[in-house]
Amino acid sequence: MPGPIIDIEADEPGGRPARRSGGIGCGSIIAGLFVVLLLAKTIASTVIDYQWWHEVGQLETWWQQLYVHTAPIFYVTLFGYGVLWLVNARALKAAGTSLGRNRWYARISSLALVQIGRAHV
């Protein structure tokens, strides 16, 4: 008779998944601050442009210009990310696993897919 079945996906002895603490972790806060630091020049430039257009009295023109320049990039990036994410999820399913079983891979691959989707705009 074969031995007991061992679930290699379990994080704790006894076959129970590991408990996760709720809330935002320190790593998420550091990653968020890093993203803000990378985007600091763009944020500052946008604020300065907004103030200048407001001072000139052409704020409606600024909003239209912002929409015309950023909306297509946003929509194409979102569509590209969706297609690439779907392909990634289907490939993992074909390999016999899923994004839910590999949390760190899911996070890292999602960030990489956003960058790849954005790069082809």
Protein backbone atom coordinates (compact mmCIF):
# COMPACT_ATOMS: atom_id res chain seq x y z
CA MET A 1 0.00 0.00 0.00
CA PRO A 2 1.43 3.45 -0.91
CA GLY A 3 2.29 6.02 1.74
CA PRO A 4 0.28 9.13 2.60
CA ILE A 5 -0.29 11.77 -0.05
CA ILE A 6 1.76 14.88 0.60
CA ASP A 7 0.56 18.21 -0.77
CA ILE A 8 3.71 19.93 -1.99
CA GLU A 9 1.76 23.20 -2.44
CA ALA A 10 1.02 23.54 1.29
CA ASP A 11 3.09 26.08 3.18
CA GLU A 12 2.50 24.68 6.66
CA PRO A 13 2.61 21.14 8.00
CA GLY A 14 -0.78 19.51 8.00
CA GLY A 15 -1.76 20.67 4.51
CA ARG A 16 -3.13 24.06 5.53
CA PRO A 17 -2.11 27.11 3.52
CA ALA A 18 -0.03 29.70 5.34
CA ARG A 19 -1.89 32.58 6.96
CA ARG A 20 -1.47 35.98 5.42
CA SER A 21 -1.68 39.14 7.43
CA GLY A 22 -4.18 41.68 6.14
CA GLY A 23 -3.27 45.19 5.13
CA ILE A 24 -0.42 46.79 3.29
CA GLY A 25 3.04 45.48 3.98
CA CYS A 26 6.31 47.33 4.23
CA GLY A 27 7.34 46.10 0.78
CA SER A 28 4.23 47.63 -0.79
CA ILE A 29 4.94 50.99 0.82
CA ILE A 30 8.56 50.96 -0.36
CA ALA A 31 7.48 49.97 -3.89
CA GLY A 32 4.90 52.78 -3.93
CA LEU A 33 7.46 55.34 -2.82
CA PHE A 34 9.88 54.08 -5.47
CA VAL A 35 7.22 54.52 -8.19
CA VAL A 36 6.47 58.06 -6.97
CA LEU A 37 10.20 58.81 -7.05
CA LEU A 38 10.45 57.53 -10.63
CA LEU A 39 7.46 59.64 -11.67
CA ALA A 40 8.50 62.79 -9.77
CA LYS A 41 9.64 64.69 -12.89
CA THR A 42 6.43 63.89 -14.78
CA ILE A 43 4.26 64.85 -11.81
CA ALA A 44 6.12 68.14 -11.31
CA SER A 45 5.90 68.98 -15.03
CA THR A 46 2.16 68.26 -15.08
CA VAL A 47 1.54 70.46 -12.03
CA ILE A 48 3.55 73.33 -13.54
CA ASP A 49 1.68 73.04 -16.87
CA TYR A 50 -1.64 72.95 -15.07
CA GLN A 51 -0.81 76.09 -13.08
CA TRP A 52 0.35 77.94 -16.20
CA TRP A 53 -2.76 77.07 -18.22
CA HIS A 54 -4.90 78.04 -15.20
CA GLU A 55 -3.12 81.39 -14.95
CA VAL A 56 -3.66 82.06 -18.67
CA GLY A 57 -7.35 81.15 -18.29
CA GLN A 58 -7.25 78.25 -20.75
CA LEU A 59 -7.77 75.35 -18.37
CA GLU A 60 -10.35 73.71 -20.66
CA THR A 61 -7.74 73.63 -23.44
CA TRP A 62 -5.24 71.99 -21.08
CA TRP A 63 -7.73 69.26 -20.15
CA GLN A 64 -8.46 68.56 -23.84
CA GLN A 65 -4.76 68.46 -24.65
CA LEU A 66 -4.09 66.11 -21.74
CA TYR A 67 -6.89 63.80 -22.84
CA VAL A 68 -5.80 63.74 -26.50
CA HIS A 69 -2.20 62.87 -25.56
CA THR A 70 -2.76 60.38 -22.75
CA ALA A 71 -6.02 58.55 -23.53
CA PRO A 72 -4.76 56.60 -26.57
CA ILE A 73 -1.64 55.50 -24.71
CA PHE A 74 -3.72 54.43 -21.71
CA TYR A 75 -6.23 52.44 -23.75
CA VAL A 76 -3.61 50.68 -25.89
CA THR A 77 -1.56 49.82 -22.79
CA LEU A 78 -4.65 48.45 -21.04
CA PHE A 79 -5.61 46.36 -24.09
CA GLY A 80 -2.03 45.07 -24.54
CA TYR A 81 -1.80 44.16 -20.85
CA GLY A 82 -5.11 42.30 -21.01
CA VAL A 83 -4.07 40.25 -24.03
CA LEU A 84 -0.64 39.42 -22.60
CA TRP A 85 -2.10 38.55 -19.18
CA LEU A 86 -4.63 36.23 -20.79
CA VAL A 87 -1.92 34.49 -22.82
CA ASN A 88 0.23 34.13 -19.68
CA ALA A 89 -2.65 32.67 -17.65
CA ARG A 90 -3.55 30.19 -20.42
CA ALA A 91 0.09 29.13 -20.75
CA LEU A 92 0.28 28.45 -17.01
CA LYS A 93 -2.95 26.46 -17.20
CA ALA A 94 -1.49 24.39 -20.05
CA ALA A 95 1.57 23.76 -17.85
CA GLY A 96 -0.68 22.41 -15.08
CA THR A 97 -0.49 25.32 -12.65
CA SER A 98 -2.11 28.74 -12.20
CA LEU A 99 -1.38 32.31 -11.15
CA GLY A 100 -3.17 31.64 -7.85
CA ARG A 101 -0.63 28.97 -6.89
CA ASN A 102 2.35 31.21 -7.67
CA ARG A 103 1.62 34.55 -6.01
CA TRP A 104 5.05 36.10 -6.42
CA TYR A 105 5.25 35.01 -10.03
CA ALA A 106 1.79 36.51 -10.63
CA ARG A 107 2.84 39.87 -9.17
CA ILE A 108 6.17 40.08 -10.95
CA SER A 109 4.80 38.88 -14.28
CA SER A 110 1.91 41.35 -14.07
CA LEU A 111 4.33 44.26 -13.61
CA ALA A 112 6.46 43.00 -16.48
CA LEU A 113 3.41 42.61 -18.73
CA VAL A 114 2.34 46.21 -18.08
CA GLN A 115 5.79 47.39 -19.14
CA ILE A 116 5.76 45.20 -22.26
CA GLY A 117 2.25 46.37 -23.17
CA ARG A 118 3.28 50.00 -22.65
CA ALA A 119 6.49 49.64 -24.66
CA HIS A 120 4.63 48.70 -27.82
CA VAL A 121 2.55 51.89 -27.91
